[in-house]
Protein backbone atom coordinates (compact mmCIF):
# COMPACT_ATOMS: atom_id res chain seq x y z
CA UNK A 1 0.00 0.00 0.00
CA UNK A 2 1.54 3.27 -1.14
CA UNK A 3 1.13 6.29 1.11
CA UNK A 4 1.16 9.95 0.22
CA UNK A 5 1.37 13.22 2.10
CA UNK A 6 -1.46 15.72 2.15
CA UNK A 7 -0.40 19.20 3.25
CA UNK A 8 -3.28 21.06 4.88
CA UNK A 9 -3.06 24.86 4.66
CA UNK A 10 -5.24 26.57 7.25
CA UNK A 11 -5.88 29.86 9.05
CA UNK A 12 -6.14 30.20 12.83
CA UNK A 13 -8.34 33.19 13.66
CA UNK A 14 -7.17 34.96 16.83
CA UNK A 15 -8.75 38.14 18.21
CA UNK A 16 -6.29 40.54 16.57
CA UNK A 17 -4.68 38.42 13.86
CA UNK A 18 -5.00 35.45 11.53
CA UNK A 19 -2.09 33.01 11.48
CA UNK A 20 -1.49 30.97 8.33
CA UNK A 21 -0.27 27.49 9.27
CA UNK A 22 0.20 24.05 7.72
CA UNK A 23 -0.35 20.52 8.90
CA UNK A 24 0.38 17.10 7.44
CA UNK A 25 -1.84 14.05 6.98
CA UNK A 26 -0.58 10.73 5.60
CA UNK A 27 -3.07 8.94 3.36
CA UNK A 28 -3.26 5.90 1.14
CA UNK A 29 -2.54 6.83 -2.47
CA UNK A 30 -5.70 8.16 -4.14
CA UNK A 31 -7.58 8.75 -0.87
CA UNK A 32 -8.72 12.10 0.53
CA UNK A 33 -8.75 13.18 4.20
CA UNK A 34 -11.80 12.47 6.33
CA UNK A 35 -13.23 14.66 9.07
CA UNK A 36 -11.48 12.41 11.60
CA UNK A 37 -8.14 12.84 9.75
CA UNK A 38 -8.48 16.62 10.12
CA UNK A 39 -9.51 16.40 13.79
CA UNK A 40 -6.60 14.02 14.56
CA UNK A 41 -4.09 16.29 12.81
CA UNK A 42 -5.37 19.35 14.68
CA UNK A 43 -5.41 17.39 17.97
CA UNK A 44 -1.75 16.44 17.52
CA UNK A 45 -1.04 20.16 17.11
CA UNK A 46 -2.84 20.96 20.37
CA UNK A 47 -6.12 22.20 18.88
CA UNK A 48 -9.28 20.64 20.32
CA UNK A 49 -11.94 21.25 17.70
CA UNK A 50 -15.29 20.28 16.27
CA UNK A 51 -16.38 20.71 12.67
CA UNK A 52 -18.75 23.70 12.62
CA UNK A 53 -19.25 24.25 8.88
CA UNK A 54 -18.69 21.27 6.59
CA UNK A 55 -19.23 23.29 3.40
CA UNK A 56 -16.51 25.83 4.22
CA UNK A 57 -14.31 23.58 6.40
CA UNK A 58 -14.56 25.78 9.47
CA UNK A 59 -13.64 24.23 12.82
CA UNK A 60 -14.49 25.78 16.21
CA UNK A 61 -12.69 25.19 19.50
CA UNK A 62 -14.34 22.86 22.02
CA UNK A 63 -12.56 24.70 24.86
CA UNK A 64 -14.41 27.93 25.72
CA UNK A 65 -11.12 29.43 27.00
CA UNK A 66 -9.27 28.95 23.69
CA UNK A 67 -7.33 32.00 22.47
CA UNK A 68 -8.67 31.58 18.91
CA UNK A 69 -12.20 31.73 17.53
CA UNK A 70 -11.97 29.33 14.58
CA UNK A 71 -9.75 27.42 12.18
CA UNK A 72 -10.53 27.43 8.47
CA UNK A 73 -8.90 25.11 5.94
CA UNK A 74 -7.80 27.08 2.89
CA UNK A 75 -6.16 24.47 0.71
CA UNK A 76 -5.14 20.81 0.47
CA UNK A 77 -1.99 19.85 -1.41
CA UNK A 78 -1.36 16.18 -2.21
CA UNK A 79 1.59 16.84 -4.50
CA UNK A 80 -0.32 15.56 -7.52
CA UNK A 81 -2.87 18.34 -7.50
CA UNK A 82 -3.52 21.26 -5.23
CA UNK A 83 -7.12 21.75 -4.17
CA UNK A 84 -7.82 25.42 -3.49
CA UNK A 85 -10.70 26.89 -1.53
CA UNK A 86 -13.30 26.87 -4.27
CA UNK A 87 -16.07 24.72 -5.70
CA UNK A 88 -13.60 21.95 -6.55
CA UNK A 89 -12.54 21.71 -2.89
CA UNK A 90 -16.12 21.86 -1.66
CA UNK A 91 -17.18 19.11 -4.04
CA UNK A 92 -14.23 16.95 -3.00
CA UNK A 93 -14.88 17.46 0.69
CA UNK A 94 -18.62 16.87 0.41
CA UNK A 95 -17.76 13.38 -0.78
CA UNK A 96 -15.09 12.65 1.81
CA UNK A 97 -16.81 13.94 4.95
CA UNK A 98 -19.91 11.90 5.69
CA UNK A 99 -22.98 13.98 6.32
CA UNK A 100 -26.53 14.06 5.20
CA UNK A 101 -27.47 11.30 2.80
CA UNK A 102 -27.15 12.40 -0.79
CA UNK A 103 -29.04 11.05 -3.79
CA UNK A 104 -27.10 8.70 -6.02
PDB file of N, CA and C in Angstrom:
ATOM      1  N   UNK A   1       0.848  -1.167   0.000  1.00  0.00           N
ATOM      2  CA  UNK A   1       0.000   0.000   0.000  1.00  0.00           C
ATOM      3  C   UNK A   1       0.896   1.233   0.000  1.00  0.00           C
ATOM      4  N   UNK A   2       0.748   2.048  -1.003  1.00  0.00           N
ATOM      5  CA  UNK A   2       1.542   3.272  -1.141  1.00  0.00           C
ATOM      6  C   UNK A   2       0.863   4.402  -0.387  1.00  0.00           C
ATOM      7  N   UNK A   3       1.671   5.171   0.330  1.00  0.00           N
ATOM      8  CA  UNK A   3       1.129   6.289   1.111  1.00  0.00           C
ATOM      9  C   UNK A   3       1.598   7.599   0.501  1.00  0.00           C
ATOM     10  N   UNK A   4       0.802   8.623   0.725  1.00  0.00           N
ATOM     11  CA  UNK A   4       1.163   9.948   0.223  1.00  0.00           C
ATOM     12  C   UNK A   4       0.915  10.979   1.320  1.00  0.00           C
ATOM     13  N   UNK A   5       1.553  12.118   1.157  1.00  0.00           N
ATOM     14  CA  UNK A   5       1.370  13.217   2.096  1.00  0.00           C
ATOM     15  C   UNK A   5       0.297  14.156   1.569  1.00  0.00           C
ATOM     16  N   UNK A   6      -0.492  14.678   2.477  1.00  0.00           N
ATOM     17  CA  UNK A   6      -1.458  15.723   2.153  1.00  0.00           C
ATOM     18  C   UNK A   6      -1.143  16.896   3.066  1.00  0.00           C
ATOM     19  N   UNK A   7      -0.701  17.994   2.478  1.00  0.00           N
ATOM     20  CA  UNK A   7      -0.404  19.197   3.250  1.00  0.00           C
ATOM     21  C   UNK A   7      -1.691  20.008   3.367  1.00  0.00           C
ATOM     22  N   UNK A   8      -2.056  20.322   4.599  1.00  0.00           N
ATOM     23  CA  UNK A   8      -3.283  21.059   4.880  1.00  0.00           C
ATOM     24  C   UNK A   8      -2.891  22.496   5.231  1.00  0.00           C
ATOM     25  N   UNK A   9      -3.309  23.438   4.417  1.00  0.00           N
ATOM     26  CA  UNK A   9      -3.056  24.863   4.659  1.00  0.00           C
ATOM     27  C   UNK A   9      -4.297  25.424   5.349  1.00  0.00           C
ATOM     28  N   UNK A  10      -4.092  26.069   6.513  1.00  0.00           N
ATOM     29  CA  UNK A  10      -5.243  26.569   7.254  1.00  0.00           C
ATOM     30  C   UNK A  10      -4.920  27.874   7.964  1.00  0.00           C
ATOM     31  N   UNK A  11      -5.984  28.586   8.334  1.00  0.00           N
ATOM     32  CA  UNK A  11      -5.883  29.857   9.053  1.00  0.00           C
ATOM     33  C   UNK A  11      -6.435  29.673  10.461  1.00  0.00           C
ATOM     34  N   UNK A  12      -5.674  30.176  11.439  1.00  0.00           N
ATOM     35  CA  UNK A  12      -6.141  30.199  12.830  1.00  0.00           C
ATOM     36  C   UNK A  12      -6.537  31.644  13.131  1.00  0.00           C
ATOM     37  N   UNK A  13      -7.802  31.850  13.430  1.00  0.00           N
ATOM     38  CA  UNK A  13      -8.338  33.193  13.665  1.00  0.00           C
ATOM     39  C   UNK A  13      -8.253  33.545  15.150  1.00  0.00           C
ATOM     40  N   UNK A  14      -7.308  34.427  15.483  1.00  0.00           N
ATOM     41  CA  UNK A  14      -7.168  34.965  16.834  1.00  0.00           C
ATOM     42  C   UNK A  14      -7.898  36.305  16.874  1.00  0.00           C
ATOM     43  N   UNK A  15      -8.012  36.880  18.058  1.00  0.00           N
ATOM     44  CA  UNK A  15      -8.755  38.136  18.213  1.00  0.00           C
ATOM     45  C   UNK A  15      -8.206  39.248  17.321  1.00  0.00           C
ATOM     46  N   UNK A  16      -6.889  39.419  17.294  1.00  0.00           N
ATOM     47  CA  UNK A  16      -6.291  40.539  16.566  1.00  0.00           C
ATOM     48  C   UNK A  16      -5.495  40.138  15.329  1.00  0.00           C
ATOM     49  N   UNK A  17      -5.457  38.847  15.019  1.00  0.00           N
ATOM     50  CA  UNK A  17      -4.679  38.418  13.858  1.00  0.00           C
ATOM     51  C   UNK A  17      -5.147  37.058  13.357  1.00  0.00           C
ATOM     52  N   UNK A  18      -4.749  36.765  12.127  1.00  0.00           N
ATOM     53  CA  UNK A  18      -4.998  35.454  11.532  1.00  0.00           C
ATOM     54  C   UNK A  18      -3.634  34.862  11.205  1.00  0.00           C
ATOM     55  N   UNK A  19      -3.357  33.675  11.752  1.00  0.00           N
ATOM     56  CA  UNK A  19      -2.088  33.006  11.484  1.00  0.00           C
ATOM     57  C   UNK A  19      -2.300  31.946  10.413  1.00  0.00           C
ATOM     58  N   UNK A  20      -1.447  31.975   9.397  1.00  0.00           N
ATOM     59  CA  UNK A  20      -1.485  30.968   8.331  1.00  0.00           C
ATOM     60  C   UNK A  20      -0.530  29.842   8.713  1.00  0.00           C
ATOM     61  N   UNK A  21      -1.068  28.634   8.864  1.00  0.00           N
ATOM     62  CA  UNK A  21      -0.267  27.488   9.272  1.00  0.00           C
ATOM     63  C   UNK A  21      -0.489  26.316   8.322  1.00  0.00           C
ATOM     64  N   UNK A  22       0.325  25.272   8.523  1.00  0.00           N
ATOM     65  CA  UNK A  22       0.203  24.052   7.724  1.00  0.00           C
ATOM     66  C   UNK A  22       0.273  22.839   8.639  1.00  0.00           C
ATOM     67  N   UNK A  23      -0.402  21.795   8.212  1.00  0.00           N
ATOM     68  CA  UNK A  23      -0.345  20.515   8.904  1.00  0.00           C
ATOM     69  C   UNK A  23      -0.152  19.422   7.871  1.00  0.00           C
ATOM     70  N   UNK A  24       0.091  18.214   8.345  1.00  0.00           N
ATOM     71  CA  UNK A  24       0.379  17.103   7.445  1.00  0.00           C
ATOM     72  C   UNK A  24      -0.468  15.897   7.823  1.00  0.00           C
ATOM     73  N   UNK A  25      -1.072  15.289   6.816  1.00  0.00           N
ATOM     74  CA  UNK A  25      -1.841  14.054   6.983  1.00  0.00           C
ATOM     75  C   UNK A  25      -1.264  13.039   6.012  1.00  0.00           C
ATOM     76  N   UNK A  26      -1.024  11.801   6.484  1.00  0.00           N
ATOM     77  CA  UNK A  26      -0.576  10.727   5.603  1.00  0.00           C
ATOM     78  C   UNK A  26      -1.781   9.893   5.208  1.00  0.00           C
ATOM     79  N   UNK A  27      -1.914   9.660   3.898  1.00  0.00           N
ATOM     80  CA  UNK A  27      -3.065   8.943   3.358  1.00  0.00           C
ATOM     81  C   UNK A  27      -2.608   7.843   2.414  1.00  0.00           C
ATOM     82  N   UNK A  28      -3.501   6.874   2.194  1.00  0.00           N
ATOM     83  CA  UNK A  28      -3.259   5.900   1.141  1.00  0.00           C
ATOM     84  C   UNK A  28      -3.356   6.636  -0.185  1.00  0.00           C
ATOM     85  N   UNK A  29      -2.544   6.212  -1.149  1.00  0.00           N
ATOM     86  CA  UNK A  29      -2.544   6.831  -2.473  1.00  0.00           C
ATOM     87  C   UNK A  29      -3.962   6.848  -3.034  1.00  0.00           C
ATOM     88  N   UNK A  30      -4.382   8.017  -3.528  1.00  0.00           N
ATOM     89  CA  UNK A  30      -5.695   8.157  -4.141  1.00  0.00           C
ATOM     90  C   UNK A  30      -6.820   8.472  -3.169  1.00  0.00           C
ATOM     91  N   UNK A  31      -6.542   8.456  -1.869  1.00  0.00           N
ATOM     92  CA  UNK A  31      -7.577   8.753  -0.869  1.00  0.00           C
ATOM     93  C   UNK A  31      -7.555  10.242  -0.526  1.00  0.00           C
ATOM     94  N   UNK A  32      -8.628  10.716   0.076  1.00  0.00           N
ATOM     95  CA  UNK A  32      -8.722  12.103   0.530  1.00  0.00           C
ATOM     96  C   UNK A  32      -8.968  12.089   2.040  1.00  0.00           C
ATOM     97  N   UNK A  33      -8.595  13.160   2.743  1.00  0.00           N
ATOM     98  CA  UNK A  33      -8.754  13.181   4.196  1.00  0.00           C
ATOM     99  C   UNK A  33     -10.217  13.155   4.629  1.00  0.00           C
ATOM    100  N   UNK A  34     -10.460  12.496   5.748  1.00  0.00           N
ATOM    101  CA  UNK A  34     -11.802  12.468   6.334  1.00  0.00           C
ATOM    102  C   UNK A  34     -11.878  13.513   7.443  1.00  0.00           C
ATOM    103  N   UNK A  35     -13.066  13.729   7.950  1.00  0.00           N
ATOM    104  CA  UNK A  35     -13.234  14.656   9.071  1.00  0.00           C
ATOM    105  C   UNK A  35     -12.343  14.219  10.232  1.00  0.00           C
ATOM    106  N   UNK A  36     -12.294  12.917  10.499  1.00  0.00           N
ATOM    107  CA  UNK A  36     -11.476  12.409  11.601  1.00  0.00           C
ATOM    108  C   UNK A  36      -9.989  12.638  11.343  1.00  0.00           C
ATOM    109  N   UNK A  37      -9.546  12.543  10.083  1.00  0.00           N
ATOM    110  CA  UNK A  37      -8.145  12.843   9.753  1.00  0.00           C
ATOM    111  C   UNK A  37      -7.810  14.278  10.135  1.00  0.00           C
ATOM    112  N   UNK A  38      -8.708  15.211   9.779  1.00  0.00           N
ATOM    113  CA  UNK A  38      -8.482  16.619  10.119  1.00  0.00           C
ATOM    114  C   UNK A  38      -8.445  16.803  11.637  1.00  0.00           C
ATOM    115  N   UNK A  39      -9.435  16.237  12.348  1.00  0.00           N
ATOM    116  CA  UNK A  39      -9.505  16.397  13.795  1.00  0.00           C
ATOM    117  C   UNK A  39      -8.284  15.790  14.484  1.00  0.00           C
ATOM    118  N   UNK A  40      -7.809  14.650  13.992  1.00  0.00           N
ATOM    119  CA  UNK A  40      -6.601  14.020  14.563  1.00  0.00           C
ATOM    120  C   UNK A  40      -5.381  14.893  14.341  1.00  0.00           C
ATOM    121  N   UNK A  41      -5.229  15.420  13.118  1.00  0.00           N
ATOM    122  CA  UNK A  41      -4.089  16.290  12.811  1.00  0.00           C
ATOM    123  C   UNK A  41      -4.112  17.511  13.730  1.00  0.00           C
ATOM    124  N   UNK A  42      -5.265  18.172  13.826  1.00  0.00           N
ATOM    125  CA  UNK A  42      -5.367  19.349  14.681  1.00  0.00           C
ATOM    126  C   UNK A  42      -5.108  18.984  16.143  1.00  0.00           C
ATOM    127  N   UNK A  43      -5.620  17.831  16.585  1.00  0.00           N
ATOM    128  CA  UNK A  43      -5.413  17.389  17.966  1.00  0.00           C
ATOM    129  C   UNK A  43      -3.934  17.196  18.282  1.00  0.00           C
ATOM    130  N   UNK A  44      -3.184  16.620  17.337  1.00  0.00           N
ATOM    131  CA  UNK A  44      -1.747  16.437  17.522  1.00  0.00           C
ATOM    132  C   UNK A  44      -1.023  17.779  17.616  1.00  0.00           C
ATOM    133  N   UNK A  45      -1.626  18.816  17.057  1.00  0.00           N
ATOM    134  CA  UNK A  45      -1.039  20.157  17.105  1.00  0.00           C
ATOM    135  C   UNK A  45      -1.520  20.935  18.333  1.00  0.00           C
ATOM    136  N   UNK A  46      -2.370  20.319  19.160  1.00  0.00           N
ATOM    137  CA  UNK A  46      -2.842  20.963  20.374  1.00  0.00           C
ATOM    138  C   UNK A  46      -4.175  21.678  20.244  1.00  0.00           C
ATOM    139  N   UNK A  47      -4.815  21.565  19.087  1.00  0.00           N
ATOM    140  CA  UNK A  47      -6.122  22.200  18.881  1.00  0.00           C
ATOM    141  C   UNK A  47      -7.223  21.181  19.140  1.00  0.00           C
ATOM    142  N   UNK A  48      -8.117  21.496  20.059  1.00  0.00           N
ATOM    143  CA  UNK A  48      -9.279  20.637  20.320  1.00  0.00           C
ATOM    144  C   UNK A  48     -10.461  21.294  19.631  1.00  0.00           C
ATOM    145  N   UNK A  49     -10.958  20.633  18.591  1.00  0.00           N
ATOM    146  CA  UNK A  49     -11.941  21.252  17.701  1.00  0.00           C
ATOM    147  C   UNK A  49     -13.137  20.361  17.430  1.00  0.00           C
ATOM    148  N   UNK A  50     -14.150  20.992  16.865  1.00  0.00           N
ATOM    149  CA  UNK A  50     -15.291  20.285  16.275  1.00  0.00           C
ATOM    150  C   UNK A  50     -15.554  20.939  14.924  1.00  0.00           C
ATOM    151  N   UNK A  51     -16.063  20.166  13.996  1.00  0.00           N
ATOM    152  CA  UNK A  51     -16.383  20.711  12.671  1.00  0.00           C
ATOM    153  C   UNK A  51     -17.674  21.501  12.776  1.00  0.00           C
ATOM    154  N   UNK A  52     -17.596  22.795  12.512  1.00  0.00           N
ATOM    155  CA  UNK A  52     -18.751  23.697  12.618  1.00  0.00           C
ATOM    156  C   UNK A  52     -19.458  23.839  11.284  1.00  0.00           C
ATOM    157  N   UNK A  53     -18.692  23.977  10.203  1.00  0.00           N
ATOM    158  CA  UNK A  53     -19.254  24.250   8.879  1.00  0.00           C
ATOM    159  C   UNK A  53     -18.570  23.349   7.862  1.00  0.00           C
ATOM    160  N   UNK A  54     -19.256  22.265   7.512  1.00  0.00           N
ATOM    161  CA  UNK A  54     -18.689  21.274   6.593  1.00  0.00           C
ATOM    162  C   UNK A  54     -18.435  21.857   5.209  1.00  0.00           C
ATOM    163  N   UNK A  55     -19.360  22.701   4.737  1.00  0.00           N
ATOM    164  CA  UNK A  55     -19.228  23.286   3.395  1.00  0.00           C
ATOM    165  C   UNK A  55     -17.958  24.122   3.255  1.00  0.00           C
ATOM    166  N   UNK A  56     -17.638  24.911   4.291  1.00  0.00           N
ATOM    167  CA  UNK A  56     -16.508  25.832   4.222  1.00  0.00           C
ATOM    168  C   UNK A  56     -15.308  25.375   5.036  1.00  0.00           C
ATOM    169  N   UNK A  57     -15.383  24.162   5.590  1.00  0.00           N
ATOM    170  CA  UNK A  57     -14.310  23.583   6.401  1.00  0.00           C
ATOM    171  C   UNK A  57     -13.859  24.518   7.512  1.00  0.00           C
ATOM    172  N   UNK A  58     -14.835  24.925   8.320  1.00  0.00           N
ATOM    173  CA  UNK A  58     -14.559  25.784   9.471  1.00  0.00           C
ATOM    174  C   UNK A  58     -14.707  24.929  10.731  1.00  0.00           C
ATOM    175  N   UNK A  59     -13.667  24.962  11.565  1.00  0.00           N
ATOM    176  CA  UNK A  59     -13.641  24.233  12.819  1.00  0.00           C
ATOM    177  C   UNK A  59     -13.657  25.241  13.966  1.00  0.00           C
ATOM    178  N   UNK A  60     -14.395  24.913  15.028  1.00  0.00           N
ATOM    179  CA  UNK A  60     -14.490  25.779  16.209  1.00  0.00           C
ATOM    180  C   UNK A  60     -13.872  25.051  17.395  1.00  0.00           C
ATOM    181  N   UNK A  61     -13.279  25.817  18.315  1.00  0.00           N
ATOM    182  CA  UNK A  61     -12.686  25.189  19.502  1.00  0.00           C
ATOM    183  C   UNK A  61     -13.757  24.599  20.419  1.00  0.00           C
ATOM    184  N   UNK A  62     -13.433  23.459  21.033  1.00  0.00           N
ATOM    185  CA  UNK A  62     -14.340  22.865  22.016  1.00  0.00           C
ATOM    186  C   UNK A  62     -14.073  23.434  23.401  1.00  0.00           C
ATOM    187  N   UNK A  63     -12.930  24.079  23.591  1.00  0.00           N
ATOM    188  CA  UNK A  63     -12.561  24.702  24.857  1.00  0.00           C
ATOM    189  C   UNK A  63     -13.000  26.161  24.844  1.00  0.00           C
ATOM    190  N   UNK A  64     -13.933  26.547  25.728  1.00  0.00           N
ATOM    191  CA  UNK A  64     -14.412  27.932  25.720  1.00  0.00           C
ATOM    192  C   UNK A  64     -13.318  28.952  26.052  1.00  0.00           C
ATOM    193  N   UNK A  65     -12.207  28.515  26.658  1.00  0.00           N
ATOM    194  CA  UNK A  65     -11.124  29.426  27.004  1.00  0.00           C
ATOM    195  C   UNK A  65     -10.044  29.515  25.933  1.00  0.00           C
ATOM    196  N   UNK A  66     -10.285  28.933  24.756  1.00  0.00           N
ATOM    197  CA  UNK A  66      -9.274  28.949  23.686  1.00  0.00           C
ATOM    198  C   UNK A  66      -8.980  30.389  23.271  1.00  0.00           C
ATOM    199  N   UNK A  67      -7.723  30.636  22.866  1.00  0.00           N
ATOM    200  CA  UNK A  67      -7.334  31.999  22.465  1.00  0.00           C
ATOM    201  C   UNK A  67      -7.536  32.247  20.975  1.00  0.00           C
ATOM    202  N   UNK A  68      -8.327  31.416  20.327  1.00  0.00           N
ATOM    203  CA  UNK A  68      -8.668  31.579  18.911  1.00  0.00           C
ATOM    204  C   UNK A  68     -10.158  31.292  18.754  1.00  0.00           C
ATOM    205  N   UNK A  69     -10.757  31.877  17.712  1.00  0.00           N
ATOM    206  CA  UNK A  69     -12.204  31.727  17.531  1.00  0.00           C
ATOM    207  C   UNK A  69     -12.584  30.631  16.537  1.00  0.00           C
ATOM    208  N   UNK A  70     -11.687  30.376  15.567  1.00  0.00           N
ATOM    209  CA  UNK A  70     -11.970  29.330  14.583  1.00  0.00           C
ATOM    210  C   UNK A  70     -10.709  28.988  13.803  1.00  0.00           C
ATOM    211  N   UNK A  71     -10.783  27.839  13.126  1.00  0.00           N
ATOM    212  CA  UNK A  71      -9.745  27.424  12.179  1.00  0.00           C
ATOM    213  C   UNK A  71     -10.456  27.107  10.878  1.00  0.00           C
ATOM    214  N   UNK A  72      -9.921  27.635   9.796  1.00  0.00           N
ATOM    215  CA  UNK A  72     -10.528  27.426   8.473  1.00  0.00           C
ATOM    216  C   UNK A  72      -9.481  26.848   7.535  1.00  0.00           C
ATOM    217  N   UNK A  73      -9.803  25.721   6.917  1.00  0.00           N
ATOM    218  CA  UNK A  73      -8.898  25.114   5.943  1.00  0.00           C
ATOM    219  C   UNK A  73      -9.002  25.885   4.636  1.00  0.00           C
ATOM    220  N   UNK A  74      -7.855  26.319   4.132  1.00  0.00           N
ATOM    221  CA  UNK A  74      -7.801  27.084   2.891  1.00  0.00           C
ATOM    222  C   UNK A  74      -7.508  26.206   1.685  1.00  0.00           C
ATOM    223  N   UNK A  75      -6.616  25.215   1.882  1.00  0.00           N
ATOM    224  CA  UNK A  75      -6.155  24.465   0.709  1.00  0.00           C
ATOM    225  C   UNK A  75      -5.596  23.127   1.149  1.00  0.00           C
ATOM    226  N   UNK A  76      -5.755  22.121   0.291  1.00  0.00           N
ATOM    227  CA  UNK A  76      -5.140  20.808   0.465  1.00  0.00           C
ATOM    228  C   UNK A  76      -4.177  20.596  -0.685  1.00  0.00           C
ATOM    229  N   UNK A  77      -2.991  20.091  -0.372  1.00  0.00           N
ATOM    230  CA  UNK A  77      -1.986  19.850  -1.406  1.00  0.00           C
ATOM    231  C   UNK A  77      -1.483  18.423  -1.260  1.00  0.00           C
ATOM    232  N   UNK A  78      -1.799  17.584  -2.247  1.00  0.00           N
ATOM    233  CA  UNK A  78      -1.364  16.184  -2.210  1.00  0.00           C
ATOM    234  C   UNK A  78      -0.115  15.950  -3.046  1.00  0.00           C
ATOM    235  N   UNK A  79       0.414  16.998  -3.650  1.00  0.00           N
ATOM    236  CA  UNK A  79       1.593  16.843  -4.497  1.00  0.00           C
ATOM    237  C   UNK A  79       1.198  16.616  -5.942  1.00  0.00           C
ATOM    238  N   UNK A  80       0.149  15.810  -6.159  1.00  0.00           N
ATOM    239  CA  UNK A  80      -0.322  15.564  -7.519  1.00  0.00           C
ATOM    240  C   UNK A  80      -1.126  16.758  -8.005  1.00  0.00           C
ATOM    241  N   UNK A  81      -1.983  17.249  -7.131  1.00  0.00           N
ATOM    242  CA  UNK A  81      -2.873  18.336  -7.495  1.00  0.00           C
ATOM    243  C   UNK A  81      -3.162  19.121  -6.242  1.00  0.00           C
ATOM    244  N   UNK A  82      -3.219  20.405  -6.362  1.00  0.00           N
ATOM    245  CA  UNK A  82      -3.521  21.264  -5.228  1.00  0.00           C
ATOM    246  C   UNK A  82      -4.991  21.655  -5.307  1.00  0.00           C
ATOM    247  N   UNK A  83      -5.709  21.406  -4.228  1.00  0.00           N
ATOM    248  CA  UNK A  83      -7.119  21.748  -4.167  1.00  0.00           C
ATOM    249  C   UNK A  83      -7.258  23.056  -3.419  1.00  0.00           C
ATOM    250  N   UNK A  84      -7.672  24.106  -4.115  1.00  0.00           N
ATOM    251  CA  UNK A  84      -7.818  25.418  -3.486  1.00  0.00           C
ATOM    252  C   UNK A  84      -9.227  25.588  -2.955  1.00  0.00           C
ATOM    253  N   UNK A  85      -9.396  26.600  -2.113  1.00  0.00           N
ATOM    254  CA  UNK A  85     -10.703  26.891  -1.532  1.00  0.00           C
ATOM    255  C   UNK A  85     -11.622  27.413  -2.636  1.00  0.00           C
ATOM    256  N   UNK A  86     -12.378  26.501  -3.213  1.00  0.00           N
ATOM    257  CA  UNK A  86     -13.305  26.869  -4.274  1.00  0.00           C
ATOM    258  C   UNK A  86     -14.312  25.741  -4.433  1.00  0.00           C
ATOM    259  N   UNK A  87     -15.045  25.755  -5.512  1.00  0.00           N
ATOM    260  CA  UNK A  87     -16.070  24.724  -5.699  1.00  0.00           C
ATOM    261  C   UNK A  87     -15.456  23.343  -5.848  1.00  0.00           C
ATOM    262  N   UNK A  88     -14.261  23.258  -6.414  1.00  0.00           N
ATOM    263  CA  UNK A  88     -13.601  21.951  -6.550  1.00  0.00           C
ATOM    264  C   UNK A  88     -13.326  21.366  -5.166  1.00  0.00           C
ATOM    265  N   UNK A  89     -12.818  22.174  -4.246  1.00  0.00           N
ATOM    266  CA  UNK A  89     -12.539  21.714  -2.888  1.00  0.00           C
ATOM    267  C   UNK A  89     -13.834  21.339  -2.184  1.00  0.00           C
ATOM    268  N   UNK A  90     -14.847  22.176  -2.309  1.00  0.00           N
ATOM    269  CA  UNK A  90     -16.122  21.857  -1.664  1.00  0.00           C
ATOM    270  C   UNK A  90     -16.691  20.543  -2.160  1.00  0.00           C
ATOM    271  N   UNK A  91     -16.660  20.346  -3.462  1.00  0.00           N
ATOM    272  CA  UNK A  91     -17.182  19.112  -4.035  1.00  0.00           C
ATOM    273  C   UNK A  91     -16.402  17.911  -3.511  1.00  0.00           C
ATOM    274  N   UNK A  92     -15.083  18.030  -3.498  1.00  0.00           N
ATOM    275  CA  UNK A  92     -14.225  16.951  -3.001  1.00  0.00           C
ATOM    276  C   UNK A  92     -14.568  16.645  -1.548  1.00  0.00           C
ATOM    277  N   UNK A  93     -14.666  17.665  -0.730  1.00  0.00           N
ATOM    278  CA  UNK A  93     -14.883  17.456   0.694  1.00  0.00           C
ATOM    279  C   UNK A  93     -16.299  17.003   1.020  1.00  0.00           C
ATOM    280  N   UNK A  94     -17.262  17.370   0.200  1.00  0.00           N
ATOM    281  CA  UNK A  94     -18.616  16.871   0.415  1.00  0.00           C
ATOM    282  C   UNK A  94     -18.660  15.359   0.258  1.00  0.00           C
ATOM    283  N   UNK A  95     -17.782  14.814  -0.572  1.00  0.00           N
ATOM    284  CA  UNK A  95     -17.757  13.376  -0.781  1.00  0.00           C
ATOM    285  C   UNK A  95     -16.942  12.670   0.290  1.00  0.00           C
ATOM    286  N   UNK A  96     -15.947  13.347   0.869  1.00  0.00           N
ATOM    287  CA  UNK A  96     -15.093  12.654   1.813  1.00  0.00           C
ATOM    288  C   UNK A  96     -15.544  12.763   3.249  1.00  0.00           C
ATOM    289  N   UNK A  97     -16.324  13.801   3.584  1.00  0.00           N
ATOM    290  CA  UNK A  97     -16.810  13.936   4.954  1.00  0.00           C
ATOM    291  C   UNK A  97     -18.265  13.496   4.987  1.00  0.00           C
ATOM    292  N   UNK A  98     -18.534  12.382   5.663  1.00  0.00           N
ATOM    293  CA  UNK A  98     -19.914  11.904   5.690  1.00  0.00           C
ATOM    294  C   UNK A  98     -20.834  12.925   6.333  1.00  0.00           C
ATOM    295  N   UNK A  99     -22.005  13.025   5.787  1.00  0.00           N
ATOM    296  CA  UNK A  99     -22.975  13.983   6.323  1.00  0.00           C
ATOM    297  C   UNK A  99     -24.366  13.504   6.010  1.00  0.00           C
ATOM    298  N   UNK A 100     -25.184  14.414   5.584  1.00  0.00           N
ATOM    299  CA  UNK A 100     -26.533  14.058   5.204  1.00  0.00           C
ATOM    300  C   UNK A 100     -26.466  13.066   4.036  1.00  0.00           C
ATOM    301  N   UNK A 101     -27.461  12.219   3.940  1.00  0.00           N
ATOM    302  CA  UNK A 101     -27.465  11.298   2.804  1.00  0.00           C
ATOM    303  C   UNK A 101     -27.754  12.077   1.527  1.00  0.00           C
ATOM    304  N   UNK A 102     -27.027  11.708   0.500  1.00  0.00           N
ATOM    305  CA  UNK A 102     -27.148  12.405  -0.788  1.00  0.00           C
ATOM    306  C   UNK A 102     -27.739  11.427  -1.802  1.00  0.00           C
ATOM    307  N   UNK A 103     -28.513  11.929  -2.760  1.00  0.00           N
ATOM    308  CA  UNK A 103     -29.039  11.052  -3.793  1.00  0.00           C
ATOM    309  C   UNK A 103     -27.910  10.506  -4.661  1.00  0.00           C
ATOM    310  N   UNK A 104     -28.114   9.330  -5.175  1.00  0.00           N
ATOM    311  CA  UNK A 104     -27.097   8.704  -6.025  1.00  0.00           C
ATOM    312  C   UNK A 104     -27.184   9.201  -7.431  1.00  0.00           C
TER     313      UNK A 104
END
